[in-house]
Amino acid sequence: MKKFMPPVALVLMVAFAGSVCAQNTNTPNLDKRDQKQETRIQQGEKSGELTDKEAAKLEAGQAKVDAREAAAKADGNVTKKERAELQHARDKQSAKIYKQKHDAQKKP
């Protein structure tokens, strides 16, 4: 005996499956943090707190974290573990920015 599935149930099943498979690549907190860190680096260059070499190194570090974020988003889903790893990478980068801006080196 074949089971008959009412059209409403079929539509609900398809809708639910679609929402489960929806992409979750939204990372507004990480994006906002990235922008703030970029601003801190630019401000440090402008004020002379960062030398050109320090700024270039910090920019390279930012690019590495950006690449990791892009890789996490590539599969269409950023997991909690990936978010935590990216957050940790941003924390480390932030500490590096602080350290370089507050060391004794100044732009000539």
PDB file of N, CA and C in Angstrom:
ATOM      1  N   MET A   1       0.834  -1.179   0.000  1.00  0.00           N
ATOM      2  CA  MET A   1       0.000   0.000   0.000  1.00  0.00           C
ATOM      3  C   MET A   1       0.886   1.252   0.000  1.00  0.00           C
ATOM      4  N   LYS A   2       0.615   2.141  -0.919  1.00  0.00           N
ATOM      5  CA  LYS A   2       1.374   3.371  -1.022  1.00  0.00           C
ATOM      6  C   LYS A   2       0.803   4.399  -0.055  1.00  0.00           C
ATOM      7  N   LYS A   3       1.716   5.153   0.554  1.00  0.00           N
ATOM      8  CA  LYS A   3       1.264   6.229   1.443  1.00  0.00           C
ATOM      9  C   LYS A   3       1.143   7.505   0.633  1.00  0.00           C
ATOM     10  N   PHE A   4       0.087   8.198   0.864  1.00  0.00           N
ATOM     11  CA  PHE A   4      -0.163   9.453   0.177  1.00  0.00           C
ATOM     12  C   PHE A   4       0.253  10.596   1.094  1.00  0.00           C
ATOM     13  N   MET A   5       1.079  11.506   0.587  1.00  0.00           N
ATOM     14  CA  MET A   5       1.518  12.644   1.368  1.00  0.00           C
ATOM     15  C   MET A   5       0.746  13.872   0.887  1.00  0.00           C
ATOM     16  N   PRO A   6       0.010  14.491   1.796  1.00  0.00           N
ATOM     17  CA  PRO A   6      -0.744  15.694   1.397  1.00  0.00           C
ATOM     18  C   PRO A   6       0.206  16.782   0.898  1.00  0.00           C
ATOM     19  N   PRO A   7      -0.233  17.574  -0.074  1.00  0.00           N
ATOM     20  CA  PRO A   7       0.615  18.615  -0.659  1.00  0.00           C
ATOM     21  C   PRO A   7       1.150  19.613   0.372  1.00  0.00           C
ATOM     22  N   VAL A   8       0.354  19.921   1.385  1.00  0.00           N
ATOM     23  CA  VAL A   8       0.792  20.882   2.400  1.00  0.00           C
ATOM     24  C   VAL A   8       1.995  20.321   3.161  1.00  0.00           C
ATOM     25  N   ALA A   9       1.932  19.056   3.512  1.00  0.00           N
ATOM     26  CA  ALA A   9       3.041  18.428   4.230  1.00  0.00           C
ATOM     27  C   ALA A   9       4.294  18.405   3.358  1.00  0.00           C
ATOM     28  N   LEU A  10       4.129  18.141   2.093  1.00  0.00           N
ATOM     29  CA  LEU A  10       5.260  18.115   1.175  1.00  0.00           C
ATOM     30  C   LEU A  10       5.915  19.492   1.075  1.00  0.00           C
ATOM     31  N   VAL A  11       5.103  20.524   0.979  1.00  0.00           N
ATOM     32  CA  VAL A  11       5.613  21.899   0.899  1.00  0.00           C
ATOM     33  C   VAL A  11       6.360  22.251   2.179  1.00  0.00           C
ATOM     34  N   LEU A  12       5.808  21.885   3.324  1.00  0.00           N
ATOM     35  CA  LEU A  12       6.467  22.175   4.591  1.00  0.00           C
ATOM     36  C   LEU A  12       7.802  21.441   4.705  1.00  0.00           C
ATOM     37  N   MET A  13       7.838  20.197   4.244  1.00  0.00           N
ATOM     38  CA  MET A  13       9.076  19.439   4.281  1.00  0.00           C
ATOM     39  C   MET A  13      10.155  20.097   3.423  1.00  0.00           C
ATOM     40  N   VAL A  14       9.788  20.516   2.234  1.00  0.00           N
ATOM     41  CA  VAL A  14      10.743  21.153   1.332  1.00  0.00           C
ATOM     42  C   VAL A  14      11.219  22.487   1.924  1.00  0.00           C
ATOM     43  N   ALA A  15      10.317  23.249   2.497  1.00  0.00           N
ATOM     44  CA  ALA A  15      10.672  24.535   3.097  1.00  0.00           C
ATOM     45  C   ALA A  15      11.626  24.338   4.272  1.00  0.00           C
ATOM     46  N   PHE A  16      11.345  23.334   5.097  1.00  0.00           N
ATOM     47  CA  PHE A  16      12.201  23.058   6.247  1.00  0.00           C
ATOM     48  C   PHE A  16      13.584  22.611   5.788  1.00  0.00           C
ATOM     49  N   ALA A  17      13.631  21.747   4.814  1.00  0.00           N
ATOM     50  CA  ALA A  17      14.912  21.269   4.293  1.00  0.00           C
ATOM     51  C   ALA A  17      15.716  22.427   3.707  1.00  0.00           C
ATOM     52  N   GLY A  18      15.050  23.333   3.045  1.00  0.00           N
ATOM     53  CA  GLY A  18      15.734  24.490   2.467  1.00  0.00           C
ATOM     54  C   GLY A  18      16.311  25.394   3.534  1.00  0.00           C
ATOM     55  N   SER A  19      15.584  25.580   4.636  1.00  0.00           N
ATOM     56  CA  SER A  19      16.094  26.445   5.695  1.00  0.00           C
ATOM     57  C   SER A  19      17.252  25.788   6.433  1.00  0.00           C
ATOM     58  N   VAL A  20      17.253  24.473   6.536  1.00  0.00           N
ATOM     59  CA  VAL A  20      18.349  23.773   7.182  1.00  0.00           C
ATOM     60  C   VAL A  20      19.610  23.885   6.334  1.00  0.00           C
ATOM     61  N   CYS A  21      19.467  23.843   5.055  1.00  0.00           N
ATOM     62  CA  CYS A  21      20.613  23.898   4.146  1.00  0.00           C
ATOM     63  C   CYS A  21      21.036  25.324   3.823  1.00  0.00           C
ATOM     64  N   ALA A  22      20.338  26.312   4.372  1.00  0.00           N
ATOM     65  CA  ALA A  22      20.652  27.703   4.063  1.00  0.00           C
ATOM     66  C   ALA A  22      22.078  28.036   4.491  1.00  0.00           C
ATOM     67  N   GLN A  23      22.698  28.917   3.756  1.00  0.00           N
ATOM     68  CA  GLN A  23      24.078  29.289   4.050  1.00  0.00           C
ATOM     69  C   GLN A  23      24.135  30.161   5.293  1.00  0.00           C
ATOM     70  N   ASN A  24      25.108  29.887   6.132  1.00  0.00           N
ATOM     71  CA  ASN A  24      25.315  30.663   7.340  1.00  0.00           C
ATOM     72  C   ASN A  24      26.724  31.224   7.312  1.00  0.00           C
ATOM     73  N   THR A  25      26.927  32.192   6.462  1.00  0.00           N
ATOM     74  CA  THR A  25      28.257  32.790   6.332  1.00  0.00           C
ATOM     75  C   THR A  25      28.281  34.224   6.860  1.00  0.00           C
ATOM     76  N   ASN A  26      27.255  34.610   7.562  1.00  0.00           N
ATOM     77  CA  ASN A  26      27.153  35.963   8.080  1.00  0.00           C
ATOM     78  C   ASN A  26      28.044  36.094   9.317  1.00  0.00           C
ATOM     79  N   THR A  27      29.020  36.982   9.282  1.00  0.00           N
ATOM     80  CA  THR A  27      29.920  37.195  10.411  1.00  0.00           C
ATOM     81  C   THR A  27      30.046  38.691  10.706  1.00  0.00           C
ATOM     82  N   PRO A  28      28.965  39.327  11.138  1.00  0.00           N
ATOM     83  CA  PRO A  28      29.012  40.784  11.323  1.00  0.00           C
ATOM     84  C   PRO A  28      29.991  41.234  12.405  1.00  0.00           C
ATOM     85  N   ASN A  29      30.102  40.478  13.503  1.00  0.00           N
ATOM     86  CA  ASN A  29      31.019  40.884  14.567  1.00  0.00           C
ATOM     87  C   ASN A  29      32.466  40.821  14.100  1.00  0.00           C
ATOM     88  N   LEU A  30      32.808  39.773  13.385  1.00  0.00           N
ATOM     89  CA  LEU A  30      34.169  39.647  12.872  1.00  0.00           C
ATOM     90  C   LEU A  30      34.466  40.723  11.838  1.00  0.00           C
ATOM     91  N   ASP A  31      33.488  41.016  10.991  1.00  0.00           N
ATOM     92  CA  ASP A  31      33.676  42.040   9.964  1.00  0.00           C
ATOM     93  C   ASP A  31      33.872  43.417  10.597  1.00  0.00           C
ATOM     94  N   LYS A  32      33.074  43.706  11.630  1.00  0.00           N
ATOM     95  CA  LYS A  32      33.181  44.997  12.306  1.00  0.00           C
ATOM     96  C   LYS A  32      34.542  45.119  13.002  1.00  0.00           C
ATOM     97  N   ARG A  33      34.959  44.035  13.611  1.00  0.00           N
ATOM     98  CA  ARG A  33      36.237  44.016  14.301  1.00  0.00           C
ATOM     99  C   ARG A  33      37.394  44.205  13.320  1.00  0.00           C
ATOM    100  N   ASP A  34      37.297  43.560  12.182  1.00  0.00           N
ATOM    101  CA  ASP A  34      38.321  43.699  11.145  1.00  0.00           C
ATOM    102  C   ASP A  34      38.444  45.163  10.740  1.00  0.00           C
ATOM    103  N   GLN A  35      37.318  45.808  10.534  1.00  0.00           N
ATOM    104  CA  GLN A  35      37.330  47.212  10.120  1.00  0.00           C
ATOM    105  C   GLN A  35      37.960  48.094  11.198  1.00  0.00           C
ATOM    106  N   LYS A  36      37.645  47.830  12.463  1.00  0.00           N
ATOM    107  CA  LYS A  36      38.224  48.623  13.555  1.00  0.00           C
ATOM    108  C   LYS A  36      39.738  48.432  13.620  1.00  0.00           C
ATOM    109  N   GLN A  37      40.186  47.196  13.427  1.00  0.00           N
ATOM    110  CA  GLN A  37      41.620  46.938  13.468  1.00  0.00           C
ATOM    111  C   GLN A  37      42.335  47.615  12.300  1.00  0.00           C
ATOM    112  N   GLU A  38      41.724  47.599  11.128  1.00  0.00           N
ATOM    113  CA  GLU A  38      42.302  48.294   9.975  1.00  0.00           C
ATOM    114  C   GLU A  38      42.420  49.787  10.271  1.00  0.00           C
ATOM    115  N   THR A  39      41.402  50.345  10.896  1.00  0.00           N
ATOM    116  CA  THR A  39      41.402  51.762  11.246  1.00  0.00           C
ATOM    117  C   THR A  39      42.509  52.069  12.252  1.00  0.00           C
ATOM    118  N   ARG A  40      42.698  51.182  13.227  1.00  0.00           N
ATOM    119  CA  ARG A  40      43.761  51.372  14.227  1.00  0.00           C
ATOM    120  C   ARG A  40      45.136  51.381  13.559  1.00  0.00           C
ATOM    121  N   ILE A  41      45.337  50.498  12.595  1.00  0.00           N
ATOM    122  CA  ILE A  41      46.621  50.451  11.890  1.00  0.00           C
ATOM    123  C   ILE A  41      46.831  51.741  11.093  1.00  0.00           C
ATOM    124  N   GLN A  42      45.805  52.175  10.375  1.00  0.00           N
ATOM    125  CA  GLN A  42      45.919  53.413   9.587  1.00  0.00           C
ATOM    126  C   GLN A  42      46.183  54.609  10.489  1.00  0.00           C
ATOM    127  N   GLN A  43      45.493  54.655  11.624  1.00  0.00           N
ATOM    128  CA  GLN A  43      45.687  55.755  12.566  1.00  0.00           C
ATOM    129  C   GLN A  43      47.115  55.740  13.114  1.00  0.00           C
ATOM    130  N   GLY A  44      47.633  54.551  13.385  1.00  0.00           N
ATOM    131  CA  GLY A  44      49.003  54.425  13.881  1.00  0.00           C
ATOM    132  C   GLY A  44      50.030  54.879  12.866  1.00  0.00           C
ATOM    133  N   GLU A  45      49.775  54.580  11.602  1.00  0.00           N
ATOM    134  CA  GLU A  45      50.674  55.051  10.533  1.00  0.00           C
ATOM    135  C   GLU A  45      50.644  56.578  10.449  1.00  0.00           C
ATOM    136  N   LYS A  46      49.444  57.121  10.498  1.00  0.00           N
ATOM    137  CA  LYS A  46      49.261  58.564  10.358  1.00  0.00           C
ATOM    138  C   LYS A  46      49.907  59.331  11.510  1.00  0.00           C
ATOM    139  N   SER A  47      49.760  58.798  12.734  1.00  0.00           N
ATOM    140  CA  SER A  47      50.281  59.496  13.905  1.00  0.00           C
ATOM    141  C   SER A  47      51.771  59.256  14.125  1.00  0.00           C
ATOM    142  N   GLY A  48      52.342  58.269  13.419  1.00  0.00           N
ATOM    143  CA  GLY A  48      53.756  57.969  13.590  1.00  0.00           C
ATOM    144  C   GLY A  48      54.014  56.916  14.658  1.00  0.00           C
ATOM    145  N   GLU A  49      52.971  56.387  15.275  1.00  0.00           N
ATOM    146  CA  GLU A  49      53.144  55.337  16.293  1.00  0.00           C
ATOM    147  C   GLU A  49      53.641  54.032  15.671  1.00  0.00           C
ATOM    148  N   LEU A  50      53.363  53.839  14.394  1.00  0.00           N
ATOM    149  CA  LEU A  50      53.799  52.639  13.683  1.00  0.00           C
ATOM    150  C   LEU A  50      54.788  53.031  12.592  1.00  0.00           C
ATOM    151  N   THR A  51      55.875  52.288  12.511  1.00  0.00           N
ATOM    152  CA  THR A  51      56.797  52.484  11.396  1.00  0.00           C
ATOM    153  C   THR A  51      56.183  51.820  10.172  1.00  0.00           C
ATOM    154  N   ASP A  52      56.755  52.097   9.009  1.00  0.00           N
ATOM    155  CA  ASP A  52      56.247  51.482   7.778  1.00  0.00           C
ATOM    156  C   ASP A  52      56.364  49.962   7.844  1.00  0.00           C
ATOM    157  N   LYS A  53      57.476  49.482   8.401  1.00  0.00           N
ATOM    158  CA  LYS A  53      57.701  48.042   8.506  1.00  0.00           C
ATOM    159  C   LYS A  53      56.681  47.394   9.452  1.00  0.00           C
ATOM    160  N   GLU A  54      56.424  48.037  10.587  1.00  0.00           N
ATOM    161  CA  GLU A  54      55.443  47.507  11.541  1.00  0.00           C
ATOM    162  C   GLU A  54      54.050  47.460  10.911  1.00  0.00           C
ATOM    163  N   ALA A  55      53.694  48.539  10.230  1.00  0.00           N
ATOM    164  CA  ALA A  55      52.375  48.604   9.595  1.00  0.00           C
ATOM    165  C   ALA A  55      52.233  47.520   8.534  1.00  0.00           C
ATOM    166  N   ALA A  56      53.295  47.304   7.748  1.00  0.00           N
ATOM    167  CA  ALA A  56      53.243  46.271   6.709  1.00  0.00           C
ATOM    168  C   ALA A  56      53.071  44.887   7.332  1.00  0.00           C
ATOM    169  N   LYS A  57      53.762  44.639   8.426  1.00  0.00           N
ATOM    170  CA  LYS A  57      53.655  43.355   9.118  1.00  0.00           C
ATOM    171  C   LYS A  57      52.238  43.146   9.667  1.00  0.00           C
ATOM    172  N   LEU A  58      51.690  44.197  10.254  1.00  0.00           N
ATOM    173  CA  LEU A  58      50.329  44.109  10.800  1.00  0.00           C
ATOM    174  C   LEU A  58      49.303  43.905   9.684  1.00  0.00           C
ATOM    175  N   GLU A  59      49.493  44.581   8.570  1.00  0.00           N
ATOM    176  CA  GLU A  59      48.594  44.405   7.423  1.00  0.00           C
ATOM    177  C   GLU A  59      48.658  42.976   6.897  1.00  0.00           C
ATOM    178  N   ALA A  60      49.858  42.399   6.883  1.00  0.00           N
ATOM    179  CA  ALA A  60      50.007  41.012   6.441  1.00  0.00           C
ATOM    180  C   ALA A  60      49.276  40.071   7.397  1.00  0.00           C
ATOM    181  N   GLY A  61      49.355  40.362   8.685  1.00  0.00           N
ATOM    182  CA  GLY A  61      48.630  39.559   9.670  1.00  0.00           C
ATOM    183  C   GLY A  61      47.130  39.660   9.475  1.00  0.00           C
ATOM    184  N   GLN A  62      46.660  40.864   9.183  1.00  0.00           N
ATOM    185  CA  GLN A  62      45.231  41.066   8.909  1.00  0.00           C
ATOM    186  C   GLN A  62      44.814  40.253   7.686  1.00  0.00           C
ATOM    187  N   ALA A  63      45.658  40.259   6.666  1.00  0.00           N
ATOM    188  CA  ALA A  63      45.346  39.532   5.433  1.00  0.00           C
ATOM    189  C   ALA A  63      45.257  38.028   5.689  1.00  0.00           C
ATOM    190  N   LYS A  64      46.122  37.517   6.568  1.00  0.00           N
ATOM    191  CA  LYS A  64      46.069  36.091   6.903  1.00  0.00           C
ATOM    192  C   LYS A  64      44.748  35.731   7.579  1.00  0.00           C
ATOM    193  N   VAL A  65      44.321  36.571   8.505  1.00  0.00           N
ATOM    194  CA  VAL A  65      43.053  36.310   9.196  1.00  0.00           C
ATOM    195  C   VAL A  65      41.894  36.430   8.207  1.00  0.00           C
ATOM    196  N   ASP A  66      41.963  37.404   7.304  1.00  0.00           N
ATOM    197  CA  ASP A  66      40.929  37.555   6.276  1.00  0.00           C
ATOM    198  C   ASP A  66      40.855  36.317   5.387  1.00  0.00           C
ATOM    199  N   ALA A  67      42.021  35.760   5.057  1.00  0.00           N
ATOM    200  CA  ALA A  67      42.053  34.551   4.227  1.00  0.00           C
ATOM    201  C   ALA A  67      41.435  33.362   4.973  1.00  0.00           C
ATOM    202  N   ARG A  68      41.714  33.274   6.273  1.00  0.00           N
ATOM    203  CA  ARG A  68      41.113  32.195   7.074  1.00  0.00           C
ATOM    204  C   ARG A  68      39.591  32.356   7.130  1.00  0.00           C
ATOM    205  N   GLU A  69      39.137  33.595   7.240  1.00  0.00           N
ATOM    206  CA  GLU A  69      37.696  33.854   7.271  1.00  0.00           C
ATOM    207  C   GLU A  69      37.057  33.478   5.933  1.00  0.00           C
ATOM    208  N   ALA A  70      37.708  33.826   4.840  1.00  0.00           N
ATOM    209  CA  ALA A  70      37.190  33.476   3.511  1.00  0.00           C
ATOM    210  C   ALA A  70      37.134  31.963   3.339  1.00  0.00           C
ATOM    211  N   ALA A  71      38.141  31.265   3.840  1.00  0.00           N
ATOM    212  CA  ALA A  71      38.148  29.795   3.750  1.00  0.00           C
ATOM    213  C   ALA A  71      37.012  29.202   4.568  1.00  0.00           C
ATOM    214  N   ALA A  72      36.741  29.794   5.727  1.00  0.00           N
ATOM    215  CA  ALA A  72      35.650  29.302   6.577  1.00  0.00           C
ATOM    216  C   ALA A  72      34.295  29.520   5.890  1.00  0.00           C
ATOM    217  N   LYS A  73      34.179  30.630   5.166  1.00  0.00           N
ATOM    218  CA  LYS A  73      32.920  30.943   4.481  1.00  0.00           C
ATOM    219  C   LYS A  73      32.754  30.164   3.176  1.00  0.00           C
ATOM    220  N   ALA A  74      33.840  29.614   2.646  1.00  0.00           N
ATOM    221  CA  ALA A  74      33.822  28.993   1.328  1.00  0.00           C
ATOM    222  C   ALA A  74      32.852  27.829   1.214  1.00  0.00           C
ATOM    223  N   ASP A  75      32.681  27.070   2.284  1.00  0.00           N
ATOM    224  CA  ASP A  75      31.778  25.917   2.212  1.00  0.00           C
ATOM    225  C   ASP A  75      30.320  26.297   2.457  1.00  0.00           C
ATOM    226  N   GLY A  76      30.060  27.581   2.694  1.00  0.00           N
ATOM    227  CA  GLY A  76      28.689  28.038   2.863  1.00  0.00           C
ATOM    228  C   GLY A  76      28.204  28.020   4.291  1.00  0.00           C
ATOM    229  N   ASN A  77      29.050  27.617   5.245  1.00  0.00           N
ATOM    230  CA  ASN A  77      28.630  27.565   6.636  1.00  0.00           C
ATOM    231  C   ASN A  77      29.832  27.827   7.528  1.00  0.00           C
ATOM    232  N   VAL A  78      29.708  28.831   8.392  1.00  0.00           N
ATOM    233  CA  VAL A  78      30.752  29.113   9.365  1.00  0.00           C
ATOM    234  C   VAL A  78      30.295  28.502  10.687  1.00  0.00           C
ATOM    235  N   THR A  79      30.986  27.452  11.117  1.00  0.00           N
ATOM    236  CA  THR A  79      30.593  26.735  12.330  1.00  0.00           C
ATOM    237  C   THR A  79      31.001  27.517  13.575  1.00  0.00           C
ATOM    238  N   LYS A  80      30.478  27.087  14.729  1.00  0.00           N
ATOM    239  CA  LYS A  80      30.844  27.723  15.992  1.00  0.00           C
ATOM    240  C   LYS A  80      32.347  27.611  16.232  1.00  0.00           C
ATOM    241  N   LYS A  81      32.896  26.452  15.905  1.00  0.00           N
ATOM    242  CA  LYS A  81      34.332  26.241  16.095  1.00  0.00           C
ATOM    243  C   LYS A  81      35.133  27.199  15.214  1.00  0.00           C
ATOM    244  N   GLU A  82      34.723  27.354  13.960  1.00  0.00           N
ATOM    245  CA  GLU A  82      35.417  28.270  13.058  1.00  0.00           C
ATOM    246  C   GLU A  82      35.300  29.711  13.554  1.00  0.00           C
ATOM    247  N   ARG A  83      34.108  30.076  14.032  1.00  0.00           N
ATOM    248  CA  ARG A  83      33.918  31.432  14.572  1.00  0.00           C
ATOM    249  C   ARG A  83      34.848  31.667  15.761  1.00  0.00           C
ATOM    250  N   ALA A  84      34.939  30.679  16.647  1.00  0.00           N
ATOM    251  CA  ALA A  84      35.804  30.801  17.823  1.00  0.00           C
ATOM    252  C   ALA A  84      37.272  30.930  17.407  1.00  0.00           C
ATOM    253  N   GLU A  85      37.688  30.149  16.416  1.00  0.00           N
ATOM    254  CA  GLU A  85      39.067  30.229  15.933  1.00  0.00           C
ATOM    255  C   GLU A  85      39.350  31.585  15.295  1.00  0.00           C
ATOM    256  N   LEU A  86      38.392  32.087  14.535  1.00  0.00           N
ATOM    257  CA  LEU A  86      38.563  33.402  13.915  1.00  0.00           C
ATOM    258  C   LEU A  86      38.591  34.503  14.973  1.00  0.00           C
ATOM    259  N   GLN A  87      37.744  34.380  15.977  1.00  0.00           N
ATOM    260  CA  GLN A  87      37.714  35.356  17.069  1.00  0.00           C
ATOM    261  C   GLN A  87      39.064  35.360  17.792  1.00  0.00           C
ATOM    262  N   HIS A  88      39.614  34.164  18.037  1.00  0.00           N
ATOM    263  CA  HIS A  88      40.917  34.051  18.694  1.00  0.00           C
ATOM    264  C   HIS A  88      42.012  34.683  17.830  1.00  0.00           C
ATOM    265  N   ALA A  89      41.962  34.455  16.533  1.00  0.00           N
ATOM    266  CA  ALA A  89      42.939  35.052  15.624  1.00  0.00           C
ATOM    267  C   ALA A  89      42.843  36.577  15.650  1.00  0.00           C
ATOM    268  N   ARG A  90      41.617  37.090  15.698  1.00  0.00           N
ATOM    269  CA  ARG A  90      41.429  38.551  15.784  1.00  0.00           C
ATOM    270  C   ARG A  90      41.959  39.074  17.121  1.00  0.00           C
ATOM    271  N   ASP A  91      41.765  38.313  18.206  1.00  0.00           N
ATOM    272  CA  ASP A  91      42.289  38.716  19.517  1.00  0.00           C
ATOM    273  C   ASP A  91      43.809  38.852  19.468  1.00  0.00           C
ATOM    274  N   LYS A  92      44.464  37.844  18.881  1.00  0.00           N
ATOM    275  CA  LYS A  92      45.921  37.872  18.783  1.00  0.00           C
ATOM    276  C   LYS A  92      46.387  39.048  17.935  1.00  0.00           C
ATOM    277  N   GLN A  93      45.679  39.292  16.847  1.00  0.00           N
ATOM    278  CA  GLN A  93      46.034  40.398  15.963  1.00  0.00           C
ATOM    279  C   GLN A  93      45.859  41.734  16.684  1.00  0.00           C
ATOM    280  N   SER A  94      44.803  41.849  17.472  1.00  0.00           N
ATOM    281  CA  SER A  94      44.559  43.072  18.222  1.00  0.00           C
ATOM    282  C   SER A  94      45.683  43.326  19.225  1.00  0.00           C
ATOM    283  N   ALA A  95      46.133  42.267  19.887  1.00  0.00           N
ATOM    284  CA  ALA A  95      47.233  42.401  20.843  1.00  0.00           C
ATOM    285  C   ALA A  95      48.516  42.842  20.133  1.00  0.00           C
ATOM    286  N   LYS A  96      48.745  42.318  18.940  1.00  0.00           N
ATOM    287  CA  LYS A  96      49.934  42.714  18.171  1.00  0.00           C
ATOM    288  C   LYS A  96      49.861  44.187  17.789  1.00  0.00           C
ATOM    289  N   ILE A  97      48.677  44.634  17.399  1.00  0.00           N
ATOM    290  CA  ILE A  97      48.505  46.043  17.034  1.00  0.00           C
ATOM    291  C   ILE A  97      48.803  46.916  18.251  1.00  0.00           C
ATOM    292  N   TYR A  98      48.246  46.566  19.391  1.00  0.00           N
ATOM    293  CA  TYR A  98      48.467  47.341  20.612  1.00  0.00           C
ATOM    294  C   TYR A  98      49.954  47.392  20.941  1.00  0.00           C
ATOM    295  N   LYS A  99      50.602  46.232  20.912  1.00  0.00           N
ATOM    296  CA  LYS A  99      52.016  46.151  21.258  1.00  0.00           C
ATOM    297  C   LYS A  99      52.865  47.029  20.348  1.00  0.00           C
ATOM    298  N   GLN A 100      52.611  46.973  19.053  1.00  0.00           N
ATOM    299  CA  GLN A 100      53.402  47.756  18.106  1.00  0.00           C
ATOM    300  C   GLN A 100      53.128  49.254  18.233  1.00  0.00           C
ATOM    301  N   LYS A 101      51.893  49.614  18.522  1.00  0.00           N
ATOM    302  CA  LYS A 101      51.561  51.044  18.641  1.00  0.00           C
ATOM    303  C   LYS A 101      52.145  51.650  19.917  1.00  0.00           C
ATOM    304  N   HIS A 102      52.384  50.813  20.931  1.00  0.00           N
ATOM    305  CA  HIS A 102      52.830  51.335  22.210  1.00  0.00           C
ATOM    306  C   HIS A 102      54.300  51.018  22.528  1.00  0.00           C
ATOM    307  N   ASP A 103      55.049  50.580  21.527  1.00  0.00           N
ATOM    308  CA  ASP A 103      56.471  50.358  21.761  1.00  0.00           C
ATOM    309  C   ASP A 103      57.225  51.682  21.565  1.00  0.00           C
ATOM    310  N   ALA A 104      58.501  51.657  21.783  1.00  0.00           N
ATOM    311  CA  ALA A 104      59.291  52.877  21.729  1.00  0.00           C
ATOM    312  C   ALA A 104      59.606  53.341  20.305  1.00  0.00           C
ATOM    313  N   GLN A 105      59.349  52.482  19.313  1.00  0.00           N
ATOM    314  CA  GLN A 105      59.672  52.849  17.929  1.00  0.00           C
ATOM    315  C   GLN A 105      58.666  53.863  17.394  1.00  0.00           C
ATOM    316  N   LYS A 106      59.187  54.855  16.745  1.00  0.00           N
ATOM    317  CA  LYS A 106      58.350  55.883  16.109  1.00  0.00           C
ATOM    318  C   LYS A 106      58.795  56.056  14.670  1.00  0.00           C
ATOM    319  N   LYS A 107      57.859  56.477  13.847  1.00  0.00           N
ATOM    320  CA  LYS A 107      58.184  56.757  12.444  1.00  0.00           C
ATOM    321  C   LYS A 107      59.071  57.996  12.394  1.00  0.00           C
ATOM    322  N   PRO A 108      60.173  57.913  11.651  1.00  0.00           N
ATOM    323  CA  PRO A 108      61.088  59.080  11.579  1.00  0.00           C
ATOM    324  C   PRO A 108      60.462  60.270  10.878  1.00  0.00           C
TER     325      PRO A 108
END
